[in-house]
Amino acid sequence: MRIAILTFDGFNELDSFIAAGILNRMRAKGWETRIAAPTLEVTSMNGVTIQRQEPLEYAAEADAVLIGSGIRTREVAADPAMLARITLDPARQLIGAQCSGTLLLAKLGLIGRLPACTDLTTKPWVIEAGVEVLDAPFVAHGNVATAGGCLASQYLAAWTIARLASLQDAEEAIHYVAPVGEKAAYVDRALGVIAPFMEQSLAA
């Protein structure tokens, strides 16, 4: 499986790195999670500069694409040339967005009027884009999921693993990263959040 985590200048480290860390627990099973960015280097909202692993266009090749958030997401959403570089197909890909990444999904026409999740700062912008915002950490509609709040990235990662591998694989990945002494609680919470949407996908 090839997973792309779209990461733009001004990105939130928690969104991109937590998801990447959890998804890379699947590396032994042949998964490859890559940070994809529009430029060779991107600098986070807190001044951490990283080198991309893939160009933004890698998203078109991936089996799953997660879009992180950042302080410059509104600029990206208002840039037609940048949006044109992002090719996504929910018919054959899993697609997830975190916080202000939900705004990009809206601008790309992948949410429509379905309810979505985002962070509190981005909420008015997503509403302005015509999307109903839920007071929830995670929601999925078929192959498209959104999450709200930095630490909700664990739910996007768990959902991706559960959908493309198994619930057991998702449980093991969350168990590994969860705090010692709280592992069972973290696993139960994560699986409890994504389980209704697993049933939805199986029914479809």
N, C-alpha and C. Protein backbone atom coordinates (compact mmCIF):
# COMPACT_ATOMS: atom_id res chain seq x y z
N MET A 1 0.83 -1.20 0.00
CA MET A 1 0.00 0.00 0.00
C MET A 1 0.87 1.25 0.00
N ARG A 2 0.47 2.22 -0.78
CA ARG A 2 1.18 3.50 -0.83
C ARG A 2 0.28 4.59 -0.24
N ILE A 3 0.80 5.25 0.78
CA ILE A 3 0.04 6.28 1.48
C ILE A 3 0.77 7.61 1.30
N ALA A 4 0.03 8.64 0.92
CA ALA A 4 0.59 9.98 0.78
C ALA A 4 0.00 10.88 1.86
N ILE A 5 0.87 11.60 2.57
CA ILE A 5 0.42 12.59 3.54
C ILE A 5 0.77 13.95 2.97
N LEU A 6 -0.25 14.68 2.50
CA LEU A 6 -0.01 15.97 1.87
C LEU A 6 0.32 17.00 2.93
N THR A 7 1.46 17.65 2.75
CA THR A 7 2.02 18.53 3.77
C THR A 7 2.48 19.82 3.11
N PHE A 8 1.91 20.93 3.55
CA PHE A 8 2.19 22.22 2.92
C PHE A 8 2.99 23.12 3.86
N ASP A 9 3.54 24.19 3.30
CA ASP A 9 4.28 25.15 4.11
C ASP A 9 3.36 25.67 5.22
N GLY A 10 3.91 25.78 6.43
CA GLY A 10 3.11 26.19 7.58
C GLY A 10 2.35 25.04 8.21
N PHE A 11 2.75 23.79 7.89
CA PHE A 11 2.01 22.62 8.34
C PHE A 11 2.07 22.42 9.85
N ASN A 12 1.06 21.73 10.35
CA ASN A 12 0.99 21.34 11.75
C ASN A 12 1.72 20.01 11.91
N GLU A 13 2.78 20.01 12.70
CA GLU A 13 3.60 18.80 12.86
C GLU A 13 2.79 17.61 13.37
N LEU A 14 1.86 17.89 14.29
CA LEU A 14 1.09 16.79 14.88
C LEU A 14 0.28 16.05 13.83
N ASP A 15 -0.31 16.78 12.91
CA ASP A 15 -1.13 16.15 11.88
C ASP A 15 -0.31 15.22 11.00
N SER A 16 0.76 15.75 10.45
CA SER A 16 1.55 14.96 9.49
C SER A 16 2.35 13.86 10.17
N PHE A 17 2.98 14.16 11.29
CA PHE A 17 3.93 13.22 11.88
C PHE A 17 3.25 12.12 12.69
N ILE A 18 2.17 12.44 13.40
CA ILE A 18 1.48 11.38 14.15
C ILE A 18 0.90 10.35 13.19
N ALA A 19 0.23 10.85 12.16
CA ALA A 19 -0.34 9.92 11.17
C ALA A 19 0.75 9.08 10.51
N ALA A 20 1.86 9.73 10.13
CA ALA A 20 2.96 9.00 9.49
C ALA A 20 3.54 7.96 10.43
N GLY A 21 3.72 8.32 11.70
CA GLY A 21 4.28 7.39 12.66
C GLY A 21 3.42 6.15 12.85
N ILE A 22 2.11 6.36 12.96
CA ILE A 22 1.20 5.23 13.16
C ILE A 22 1.12 4.38 11.89
N LEU A 23 0.98 5.02 10.75
CA LEU A 23 0.86 4.27 9.50
C LEU A 23 2.13 3.49 9.17
N ASN A 24 3.26 4.01 9.59
CA ASN A 24 4.52 3.30 9.32
C ASN A 24 4.69 2.06 10.19
N ARG A 25 3.78 1.83 11.13
CA ARG A 25 3.77 0.56 11.84
C ARG A 25 3.46 -0.59 10.87
N MET A 26 2.93 -0.24 9.70
CA MET A 26 2.56 -1.25 8.71
C MET A 26 3.67 -1.48 7.68
N ARG A 27 4.82 -0.89 7.91
CA ARG A 27 5.92 -1.02 6.94
C ARG A 27 6.33 -2.47 6.73
N ALA A 28 6.29 -3.26 7.80
CA ALA A 28 6.68 -4.67 7.69
C ALA A 28 5.74 -5.45 6.79
N LYS A 29 4.56 -4.92 6.56
CA LYS A 29 3.59 -5.59 5.68
C LYS A 29 3.59 -4.98 4.29
N GLY A 30 4.63 -4.21 3.99
CA GLY A 30 4.78 -3.69 2.64
C GLY A 30 4.19 -2.31 2.41
N TRP A 31 3.69 -1.67 3.46
CA TRP A 31 3.14 -0.34 3.30
C TRP A 31 4.26 0.69 3.21
N GLU A 32 3.99 1.75 2.46
CA GLU A 32 4.96 2.83 2.32
C GLU A 32 4.22 4.16 2.51
N THR A 33 4.53 4.85 3.58
CA THR A 33 3.90 6.14 3.88
C THR A 33 4.89 7.24 3.60
N ARG A 34 4.50 8.19 2.74
CA ARG A 34 5.41 9.23 2.29
C ARG A 34 4.83 10.62 2.51
N ILE A 35 5.68 11.54 2.89
CA ILE A 35 5.29 12.94 2.99
C ILE A 35 5.39 13.56 1.60
N ALA A 36 4.26 14.04 1.09
CA ALA A 36 4.22 14.66 -0.23
C ALA A 36 3.97 16.16 -0.08
N ALA A 37 4.77 16.97 -0.76
CA ALA A 37 4.68 18.41 -0.60
C ALA A 37 4.87 19.11 -1.95
N PRO A 38 4.42 20.35 -2.06
CA PRO A 38 4.53 21.06 -3.34
C PRO A 38 5.93 21.56 -3.65
N THR A 39 6.78 21.67 -2.63
CA THR A 39 8.15 22.14 -2.81
C THR A 39 9.13 21.16 -2.18
N LEU A 40 10.39 21.28 -2.54
CA LEU A 40 11.40 20.36 -2.01
C LEU A 40 11.48 20.39 -0.50
N GLU A 41 11.29 21.57 0.09
CA GLU A 41 11.28 21.71 1.53
C GLU A 41 10.03 22.45 1.96
N VAL A 42 9.50 22.09 3.12
CA VAL A 42 8.39 22.83 3.72
C VAL A 42 8.73 23.07 5.19
N THR A 43 8.28 24.21 5.69
CA THR A 43 8.55 24.59 7.07
C THR A 43 7.26 24.62 7.85
N SER A 44 7.27 24.00 9.02
CA SER A 44 6.06 23.89 9.83
C SER A 44 5.68 25.21 10.48
N MET A 45 4.53 25.24 11.09
CA MET A 45 4.04 26.42 11.79
C MET A 45 4.93 26.80 12.96
N ASN A 46 5.76 25.86 13.41
CA ASN A 46 6.66 26.12 14.53
C ASN A 46 8.12 26.18 14.10
N GLY A 47 8.35 26.29 12.77
CA GLY A 47 9.70 26.52 12.28
C GLY A 47 10.53 25.29 12.01
N VAL A 48 9.91 24.11 11.96
CA VAL A 48 10.64 22.88 11.65
C VAL A 48 10.62 22.67 10.14
N THR A 49 11.80 22.65 9.53
CA THR A 49 11.90 22.47 8.08
C THR A 49 12.24 21.02 7.75
N ILE A 50 11.47 20.44 6.83
CA ILE A 50 11.71 19.05 6.42
C ILE A 50 11.81 18.99 4.91
N GLN A 51 12.43 17.92 4.42
CA GLN A 51 12.48 17.65 2.99
C GLN A 51 11.35 16.70 2.63
N ARG A 52 10.67 17.02 1.56
CA ARG A 52 9.59 16.13 1.13
C ARG A 52 10.17 14.81 0.65
N GLN A 53 9.35 13.78 0.71
CA GLN A 53 9.73 12.48 0.17
C GLN A 53 9.18 12.28 -1.24
N GLU A 54 8.09 12.98 -1.53
CA GLU A 54 7.47 12.87 -2.85
C GLU A 54 6.88 14.24 -3.23
N PRO A 55 6.73 14.50 -4.53
CA PRO A 55 6.03 15.73 -4.94
C PRO A 55 4.53 15.59 -4.68
N LEU A 56 3.84 16.70 -4.75
CA LEU A 56 2.40 16.72 -4.49
C LEU A 56 1.64 15.78 -5.42
N GLU A 57 2.12 15.65 -6.64
CA GLU A 57 1.45 14.82 -7.65
C GLU A 57 1.43 13.32 -7.29
N TYR A 58 2.25 12.93 -6.33
CA TYR A 58 2.27 11.54 -5.87
C TYR A 58 0.90 11.10 -5.37
N ALA A 59 0.10 12.07 -4.92
CA ALA A 59 -1.23 11.75 -4.41
C ALA A 59 -2.06 10.95 -5.42
N ALA A 60 -1.88 11.24 -6.70
CA ALA A 60 -2.66 10.56 -7.73
C ALA A 60 -2.33 9.06 -7.80
N GLU A 61 -1.13 8.68 -7.37
CA GLU A 61 -0.70 7.28 -7.46
C GLU A 61 -1.01 6.48 -6.20
N ALA A 62 -1.27 7.17 -5.09
CA ALA A 62 -1.37 6.51 -3.79
C ALA A 62 -2.68 5.74 -3.63
N ASP A 63 -2.65 4.75 -2.74
CA ASP A 63 -3.85 4.00 -2.39
C ASP A 63 -4.69 4.77 -1.37
N ALA A 64 -4.02 5.60 -0.57
CA ALA A 64 -4.71 6.44 0.40
C ALA A 64 -3.98 7.77 0.50
N VAL A 65 -4.74 8.83 0.73
CA VAL A 65 -4.17 10.17 0.82
C VAL A 65 -4.75 10.86 2.06
N LEU A 66 -3.87 11.34 2.91
CA LEU A 66 -4.29 12.12 4.07
C LEU A 66 -3.77 13.55 3.90
N ILE A 67 -4.64 14.52 4.17
CA ILE A 67 -4.27 15.92 4.03
C ILE A 67 -4.19 16.54 5.41
N GLY A 68 -2.98 16.98 5.79
CA GLY A 68 -2.80 17.62 7.07
C GLY A 68 -3.22 19.08 7.04
N SER A 69 -3.15 19.72 8.19
CA SER A 69 -3.55 21.12 8.27
C SER A 69 -2.33 22.01 8.45
N GLY A 70 -2.58 23.32 8.52
CA GLY A 70 -1.49 24.26 8.73
C GLY A 70 -2.00 25.69 8.72
N ILE A 71 -1.11 26.60 9.03
CA ILE A 71 -1.53 28.00 9.14
C ILE A 71 -1.68 28.69 7.79
N ARG A 72 -1.30 28.02 6.71
CA ARG A 72 -1.42 28.63 5.38
C ARG A 72 -2.40 27.88 4.48
N THR A 73 -3.24 27.06 5.09
CA THR A 73 -4.17 26.25 4.29
C THR A 73 -5.14 27.12 3.49
N ARG A 74 -5.57 28.23 4.06
CA ARG A 74 -6.50 29.10 3.32
C ARG A 74 -5.84 29.64 2.05
N GLU A 75 -4.54 29.89 2.10
CA GLU A 75 -3.81 30.34 0.91
C GLU A 75 -3.79 29.24 -0.13
N VAL A 76 -3.55 28.01 0.31
CA VAL A 76 -3.54 26.87 -0.62
C VAL A 76 -4.92 26.71 -1.24
N ALA A 77 -5.97 26.81 -0.41
CA ALA A 77 -7.33 26.62 -0.88
C ALA A 77 -7.75 27.69 -1.88
N ALA A 78 -7.09 28.85 -1.83
CA ALA A 78 -7.42 29.95 -2.73
C ALA A 78 -6.52 30.00 -3.96
N ASP A 79 -5.66 28.98 -4.12
CA ASP A 79 -4.69 28.95 -5.21
C ASP A 79 -5.09 27.89 -6.24
N PRO A 80 -5.74 28.27 -7.34
CA PRO A 80 -6.20 27.29 -8.33
C PRO A 80 -5.06 26.44 -8.89
N ALA A 81 -3.89 27.04 -9.07
CA ALA A 81 -2.77 26.29 -9.62
C ALA A 81 -2.31 25.19 -8.66
N MET A 82 -2.33 25.50 -7.36
CA MET A 82 -1.95 24.50 -6.37
C MET A 82 -3.00 23.38 -6.30
N LEU A 83 -4.26 23.75 -6.29
CA LEU A 83 -5.32 22.74 -6.23
C LEU A 83 -5.29 21.84 -7.46
N ALA A 84 -4.91 22.41 -8.60
CA ALA A 84 -4.86 21.63 -9.84
C ALA A 84 -3.81 20.53 -9.79
N ARG A 85 -2.85 20.68 -8.89
CA ARG A 85 -1.79 19.67 -8.76
C ARG A 85 -2.24 18.47 -7.93
N ILE A 86 -3.38 18.58 -7.28
CA ILE A 86 -3.87 17.52 -6.39
C ILE A 86 -4.97 16.74 -7.10
N THR A 87 -4.67 15.52 -7.51
CA THR A 87 -5.64 14.67 -8.20
C THR A 87 -6.03 13.52 -7.28
N LEU A 88 -7.30 13.50 -6.88
CA LEU A 88 -7.79 12.47 -5.97
C LEU A 88 -9.01 11.79 -6.57
N ASP A 89 -9.16 10.50 -6.27
CA ASP A 89 -10.27 9.73 -6.81
C ASP A 89 -10.87 8.85 -5.72
N PRO A 90 -11.95 9.29 -5.07
CA PRO A 90 -12.54 8.51 -3.98
C PRO A 90 -13.11 7.17 -4.43
N ALA A 91 -13.23 6.94 -5.70
CA ALA A 91 -13.73 5.65 -6.19
C ALA A 91 -12.68 4.56 -6.01
N ARG A 92 -11.41 4.95 -6.00
CA ARG A 92 -10.35 3.94 -5.86
C ARG A 92 -9.36 4.23 -4.74
N GLN A 93 -9.50 5.38 -4.07
CA GLN A 93 -8.59 5.76 -3.00
C GLN A 93 -9.35 6.02 -1.71
N LEU A 94 -8.67 5.77 -0.58
CA LEU A 94 -9.16 6.31 0.68
C LEU A 94 -8.61 7.72 0.80
N ILE A 95 -9.45 8.65 1.22
CA ILE A 95 -9.04 10.05 1.31
C ILE A 95 -9.45 10.58 2.68
N GLY A 96 -8.50 11.16 3.39
CA GLY A 96 -8.80 11.71 4.71
C GLY A 96 -8.21 13.10 4.84
N ALA A 97 -8.84 13.92 5.67
CA ALA A 97 -8.35 15.27 5.90
C ALA A 97 -8.42 15.60 7.38
N GLN A 98 -7.45 16.36 7.82
CA GLN A 98 -7.32 16.74 9.22
C GLN A 98 -7.50 18.24 9.37
N CYS A 99 -8.39 18.66 10.23
CA CYS A 99 -8.56 20.08 10.58
C CYS A 99 -8.72 20.95 9.33
N SER A 100 -7.79 21.87 9.07
CA SER A 100 -7.98 22.75 7.90
C SER A 100 -7.81 22.01 6.59
N GLY A 101 -7.29 20.79 6.63
CA GLY A 101 -7.25 19.97 5.43
C GLY A 101 -8.65 19.72 4.89
N THR A 102 -9.65 19.76 5.79
CA THR A 102 -11.04 19.60 5.38
C THR A 102 -11.46 20.71 4.42
N LEU A 103 -10.92 21.90 4.62
CA LEU A 103 -11.21 23.00 3.70
C LEU A 103 -10.73 22.68 2.30
N LEU A 104 -9.56 22.04 2.19
CA LEU A 104 -9.05 21.66 0.87
C LEU A 104 -9.95 20.62 0.22
N LEU A 105 -10.44 19.67 1.00
CA LEU A 105 -11.35 18.68 0.43
C LEU A 105 -12.62 19.35 -0.08
N ALA A 106 -13.09 20.34 0.67
CA ALA A 106 -14.29 21.06 0.23
C ALA A 106 -14.02 21.79 -1.09
N LYS A 107 -12.87 22.45 -1.18
CA LYS A 107 -12.53 23.19 -2.39
C LYS A 107 -12.31 22.27 -3.57
N LEU A 108 -11.89 21.03 -3.29
CA LEU A 108 -11.68 20.05 -4.35
C LEU A 108 -12.98 19.34 -4.74
N GLY A 109 -14.07 19.69 -4.07
CA GLY A 109 -15.36 19.11 -4.41
C GLY A 109 -15.57 17.71 -3.91
N LEU A 110 -14.84 17.30 -2.87
CA LEU A 110 -14.93 15.91 -2.40
C LEU A 110 -15.80 15.74 -1.17
N ILE A 111 -16.41 16.82 -0.69
CA ILE A 111 -17.30 16.72 0.46
C ILE A 111 -18.73 17.05 0.07
N GLY A 112 -18.89 18.05 -0.78
CA GLY A 112 -20.23 18.47 -1.15
C GLY A 112 -20.97 19.00 0.06
N ARG A 113 -22.18 18.51 0.27
CA ARG A 113 -22.97 18.96 1.42
C ARG A 113 -23.00 17.93 2.54
N LEU A 114 -22.13 16.93 2.47
CA LEU A 114 -22.05 15.95 3.55
C LEU A 114 -21.44 16.60 4.78
N PRO A 115 -21.88 16.23 5.97
CA PRO A 115 -21.27 16.80 7.18
C PRO A 115 -19.83 16.33 7.34
N ALA A 116 -19.00 17.20 7.90
CA ALA A 116 -17.57 16.91 8.02
C ALA A 116 -17.06 17.39 9.38
N CYS A 117 -15.85 16.99 9.70
CA CYS A 117 -15.19 17.41 10.94
C CYS A 117 -14.01 18.32 10.62
N THR A 118 -13.76 19.26 11.49
CA THR A 118 -12.60 20.14 11.36
C THR A 118 -12.28 20.71 12.74
N ASP A 119 -11.25 21.52 12.82
CA ASP A 119 -10.91 22.15 14.10
C ASP A 119 -11.73 23.42 14.29
N LEU A 120 -11.71 23.95 15.50
CA LEU A 120 -12.54 25.11 15.82
C LEU A 120 -12.13 26.36 15.06
N THR A 121 -10.83 26.52 14.79
CA THR A 121 -10.37 27.70 14.05
C THR A 121 -10.86 27.67 12.61
N THR A 122 -10.81 26.50 12.00
CA THR A 122 -11.18 26.37 10.59
C THR A 122 -12.68 26.29 10.38
N LYS A 123 -13.42 25.96 11.42
CA LYS A 123 -14.86 25.72 11.29
C LYS A 123 -15.60 26.79 10.49
N PRO A 124 -15.42 28.09 10.79
CA PRO A 124 -16.19 29.08 10.01
C PRO A 124 -15.83 29.11 8.53
N TRP A 125 -14.60 28.78 8.19
CA TRP A 125 -14.19 28.78 6.78
C TRP A 125 -14.82 27.60 6.05
N VAL A 126 -14.90 26.45 6.73
CA VAL A 126 -15.51 25.27 6.13
C VAL A 126 -17.01 25.49 5.95
N ILE A 127 -17.64 26.10 6.94
CA ILE A 127 -19.05 26.43 6.83
C ILE A 127 -19.28 27.39 5.66
N GLU A 128 -18.37 28.37 5.54
CA GLU A 128 -18.46 29.34 4.44
C GLU A 128 -18.36 28.65 3.09
N ALA A 129 -17.64 27.51 3.06
CA ALA A 129 -17.50 26.75 1.82
C ALA A 129 -18.73 25.87 1.54
N GLY A 130 -19.74 25.96 2.42
CA GLY A 130 -20.98 25.23 2.19
C GLY A 130 -21.07 23.88 2.84
N VAL A 131 -20.20 23.61 3.81
CA VAL A 131 -20.15 22.29 4.45
C VAL A 131 -20.69 22.38 5.88
N GLU A 132 -21.53 21.43 6.24
CA GLU A 132 -22.00 21.33 7.63
C GLU A 132 -20.88 20.74 8.48
N VAL A 133 -20.56 21.36 9.60
CA VAL A 133 -19.48 20.89 10.47
C VAL A 133 -20.06 20.22 11.71
N LEU A 134 -19.61 19.01 11.98
CA LEU A 134 -20.06 18.24 13.13
C LEU A 134 -19.23 18.56 14.36
N ASP A 135 -19.85 18.43 15.52
CA ASP A 135 -19.11 18.55 16.78
C ASP A 135 -18.64 17.16 17.17
N ALA A 136 -17.67 16.67 16.41
CA ALA A 136 -17.19 15.30 16.56
C ALA A 136 -15.74 15.23 16.09
N PRO A 137 -14.98 14.23 16.57
CA PRO A 137 -13.58 14.13 16.18
C PRO A 137 -13.34 13.47 14.83
N PHE A 138 -14.32 12.69 14.36
CA PHE A 138 -14.09 11.89 13.14
C PHE A 138 -15.41 11.52 12.51
N VAL A 139 -15.44 11.56 11.18
CA VAL A 139 -16.59 11.05 10.44
C VAL A 139 -16.10 10.55 9.09
N ALA A 140 -16.74 9.51 8.58
CA ALA A 140 -16.39 8.98 7.26
C ALA A 140 -17.65 8.77 6.46
N HIS A 141 -17.58 9.09 5.18
CA HIS A 141 -18.66 8.83 4.23
C HIS A 141 -18.04 8.01 3.11
N GLY A 142 -18.24 6.72 3.15
CA GLY A 142 -17.60 5.87 2.14
C GLY A 142 -16.09 5.93 2.26
N ASN A 143 -15.43 6.34 1.20
CA ASN A 143 -13.97 6.38 1.18
C ASN A 143 -13.38 7.73 1.58
N VAL A 144 -14.21 8.65 2.04
CA VAL A 144 -13.72 9.98 2.42
C VAL A 144 -13.98 10.22 3.90
N ALA A 145 -12.94 10.59 4.63
CA ALA A 145 -13.05 10.82 6.07
C ALA A 145 -12.46 12.17 6.44
N THR A 146 -12.99 12.76 7.50
CA THR A 146 -12.44 14.01 8.03
C THR A 146 -12.32 13.89 9.53
N ALA A 147 -11.35 14.62 10.08
CA ALA A 147 -11.10 14.60 11.52
C ALA A 147 -10.88 16.01 12.02
N GLY A 148 -11.26 16.25 13.27
CA GLY A 148 -11.09 17.57 13.85
C GLY A 148 -10.32 17.53 15.14
N GLY A 149 -9.28 18.36 15.24
CA GLY A 149 -8.42 18.37 16.42
C GLY A 149 -7.13 17.64 16.12
N CYS A 150 -6.00 18.22 16.52
CA CYS A 150 -4.69 17.66 16.15
C CYS A 150 -4.55 16.17 16.50
N LEU A 151 -4.95 15.80 17.71
CA LEU A 151 -4.76 14.42 18.13
C LEU A 151 -5.77 13.46 17.53
N ALA A 152 -6.73 13.99 16.77
CA ALA A 152 -7.66 13.11 16.05
C ALA A 152 -6.97 12.44 14.87
N SER A 153 -5.72 12.80 14.60
CA SER A 153 -4.98 12.15 13.52
C SER A 153 -4.85 10.65 13.76
N GLN A 154 -4.87 10.24 15.04
CA GLN A 154 -4.82 8.81 15.33
C GLN A 154 -6.04 8.08 14.77
N TYR A 155 -7.19 8.77 14.71
CA TYR A 155 -8.39 8.15 14.18
C TYR A 155 -8.31 8.00 12.66
N LEU A 156 -7.77 9.02 11.99
CA LEU A 156 -7.57 8.90 10.55
C LEU A 156 -6.62 7.74 10.23
N ALA A 157 -5.53 7.64 10.99
CA ALA A 157 -4.57 6.57 10.75
C ALA A 157 -5.18 5.21 11.03
N ALA A 158 -5.90 5.09 12.14
CA ALA A 158 -6.53 3.81 12.50
C ALA A 158 -7.56 3.41 11.46
N TRP A 159 -8.36 4.37 11.00
CA TRP A 159 -9.37 4.09 9.97
C TRP A 159 -8.71 3.62 8.68
N THR A 160 -7.62 4.27 8.29
CA THR A 160 -6.92 3.89 7.06
C THR A 160 -6.39 2.46 7.16
N ILE A 161 -5.80 2.13 8.29
CA ILE A 161 -5.26 0.78 8.47
C ILE A 161 -6.39 -0.24 8.50
N ALA A 162 -7.45 0.08 9.22
CA ALA A 162 -8.57 -0.86 9.32
C ALA A 162 -9.22 -1.11 7.96
N ARG A 163 -9.36 -0.06 7.16
CA ARG A 163 -9.98 -0.20 5.85
C ARG A 163 -9.10 -0.95 4.86
N LEU A 164 -7.79 -0.67 4.88
CA LEU A 164 -6.90 -1.26 3.88
C LEU A 164 -6.23 -2.55 4.35
N ALA A 165 -6.32 -2.83 5.65
CA ALA A 165 -5.76 -4.07 6.19
C ALA A 165 -6.84 -4.74 7.05
N SER A 166 -6.80 -4.52 8.37
CA SER A 166 -7.81 -5.13 9.24
C SER A 166 -7.93 -4.34 10.54
N LEU A 167 -9.02 -4.57 11.26
CA LEU A 167 -9.20 -3.94 12.57
C LEU A 167 -8.11 -4.39 13.52
N GLN A 168 -7.66 -5.64 13.41
CA GLN A 168 -6.60 -6.13 14.27
C GLN A 168 -5.31 -5.36 14.03
N ASP A 169 -5.01 -5.08 12.76
CA ASP A 169 -3.80 -4.30 12.46
C ASP A 169 -3.92 -2.89 13.03
N ALA A 170 -5.11 -2.30 12.94
CA ALA A 170 -5.32 -0.97 13.50
C ALA A 170 -5.15 -1.00 15.02
N GLU A 171 -5.70 -2.02 15.64
CA GLU A 171 -5.58 -2.16 17.09
C GLU A 171 -4.11 -2.27 17.50
N GLU A 172 -3.35 -3.07 16.78
CA GLU A 172 -1.93 -3.25 17.12
C GLU A 172 -1.14 -1.96 16.94
N ALA A 173 -1.46 -1.20 15.90
CA ALA A 173 -0.73 0.05 15.66
C ALA A 173 -1.03 1.07 16.75
N ILE A 174 -2.29 1.21 17.15
CA ILE A 174 -2.65 2.15 18.21
C ILE A 174 -2.08 1.68 19.54
N HIS A 175 -2.14 0.39 19.79
CA HIS A 175 -1.59 -0.17 21.04
C HIS A 175 -0.11 0.17 21.17
N TYR A 176 0.62 0.10 20.08
CA TYR A 176 2.06 0.37 20.13
C TYR A 176 2.36 1.81 20.54
N VAL A 177 1.60 2.77 20.01
CA VAL A 177 1.91 4.18 20.26
C VAL A 177 1.25 4.73 21.53
N ALA A 178 0.28 4.01 22.07
CA ALA A 178 -0.46 4.50 23.23
C ALA A 178 0.43 4.52 24.48
N PRO A 179 0.14 5.41 25.43
CA PRO A 179 0.91 5.48 26.66
C PRO A 179 0.84 4.19 27.47
N VAL A 180 1.94 3.83 28.10
CA VAL A 180 1.98 2.66 28.96
C VAL A 180 1.00 2.85 30.11
N GLY A 181 0.27 1.81 30.44
CA GLY A 181 -0.71 1.89 31.50
C GLY A 181 -2.06 2.38 31.02
N GLU A 182 -2.13 2.88 29.78
CA GLU A 182 -3.38 3.38 29.22
C GLU A 182 -3.69 2.76 27.86
N LYS A 183 -2.92 1.74 27.51
CA LYS A 183 -3.04 1.19 26.17
C LYS A 183 -4.44 0.66 25.85
N ALA A 184 -5.02 -0.08 26.77
CA ALA A 184 -6.35 -0.64 26.52
C ALA A 184 -7.37 0.47 26.32
N ALA A 185 -7.27 1.52 27.12
CA ALA A 185 -8.22 2.63 27.01
C ALA A 185 -8.06 3.34 25.68
N TYR A 186 -6.82 3.55 25.24
CA TYR A 186 -6.58 4.23 23.96
C TYR A 186 -7.09 3.39 22.80
N VAL A 187 -6.84 2.10 22.85
CA VAL A 187 -7.30 1.21 21.77
C VAL A 187 -8.82 1.19 21.72
N ASP A 188 -9.45 1.06 22.90
CA ASP A 188 -10.91 1.01 22.93
C ASP A 188 -11.51 2.30 22.38
N ARG A 189 -10.91 3.44 22.74
CA ARG A 189 -11.44 4.71 22.27
C ARG A 189 -11.28 4.83 20.75
N ALA A 190 -10.09 4.54 20.25
CA ALA A 190 -9.83 4.68 18.81
C ALA A 190 -10.73 3.77 18.00
N LEU A 191 -10.82 2.51 18.39
CA LEU A 191 -11.66 1.57 17.64
C LEU A 191 -13.14 1.92 17.79
N GLY A 192 -13.51 2.44 18.96
CA GLY A 192 -14.89 2.85 19.15
C GLY A 192 -15.29 4.00 18.25
N VAL A 193 -14.34 4.90 17.99
CA VAL A 193 -14.61 6.05 17.13
C VAL A 193 -14.77 5.63 15.67
N ILE A 194 -13.92 4.72 15.20
CA ILE A 194 -13.96 4.36 13.78
C ILE A 194 -14.91 3.21 13.48
N ALA A 195 -15.29 2.42 14.49
CA ALA A 195 -16.09 1.21 14.25
C ALA A 195 -17.40 1.47 13.51
N PRO A 196 -18.17 2.51 13.84
CA PRO A 196 -19.43 2.72 13.10
C PRO A 196 -19.21 2.94 11.61
N PHE A 197 -18.07 3.49 11.25
CA PHE A 197 -17.81 3.78 9.84
C PHE A 197 -17.22 2.58 9.13
N MET A 198 -16.67 1.66 9.90
CA MET A 198 -16.26 0.38 9.32
C MET A 198 -17.49 -0.41 8.92
N GLU A 199 -18.51 -0.40 9.79
CA GLU A 199 -19.75 -1.11 9.50
C GLU A 199 -20.42 -0.49 8.28
N GLN A 200 -20.34 0.84 8.18
CA GLN A 200 -20.91 1.55 7.04
C GLN A 200 -20.25 1.13 5.74
N SER A 201 -18.91 1.02 5.75
CA SER A 201 -18.18 0.66 4.54
C SER A 201 -18.46 -0.80 4.14
N LEU A 202 -18.61 -1.66 5.14
CA LEU A 202 -18.90 -3.06 4.83
C LEU A 202 -20.30 -3.20 4.25
N ALA A 203 -21.23 -2.40 4.76
CA ALA A 203 -22.60 -2.45 4.25
C ALA A 203 -22.68 -1.96 2.80
N ALA A 204 -21.80 -0.98 2.48
CA ALA A 204 -21.79 -0.44 1.13
C ALA A 204 -21.22 -1.46 0.15
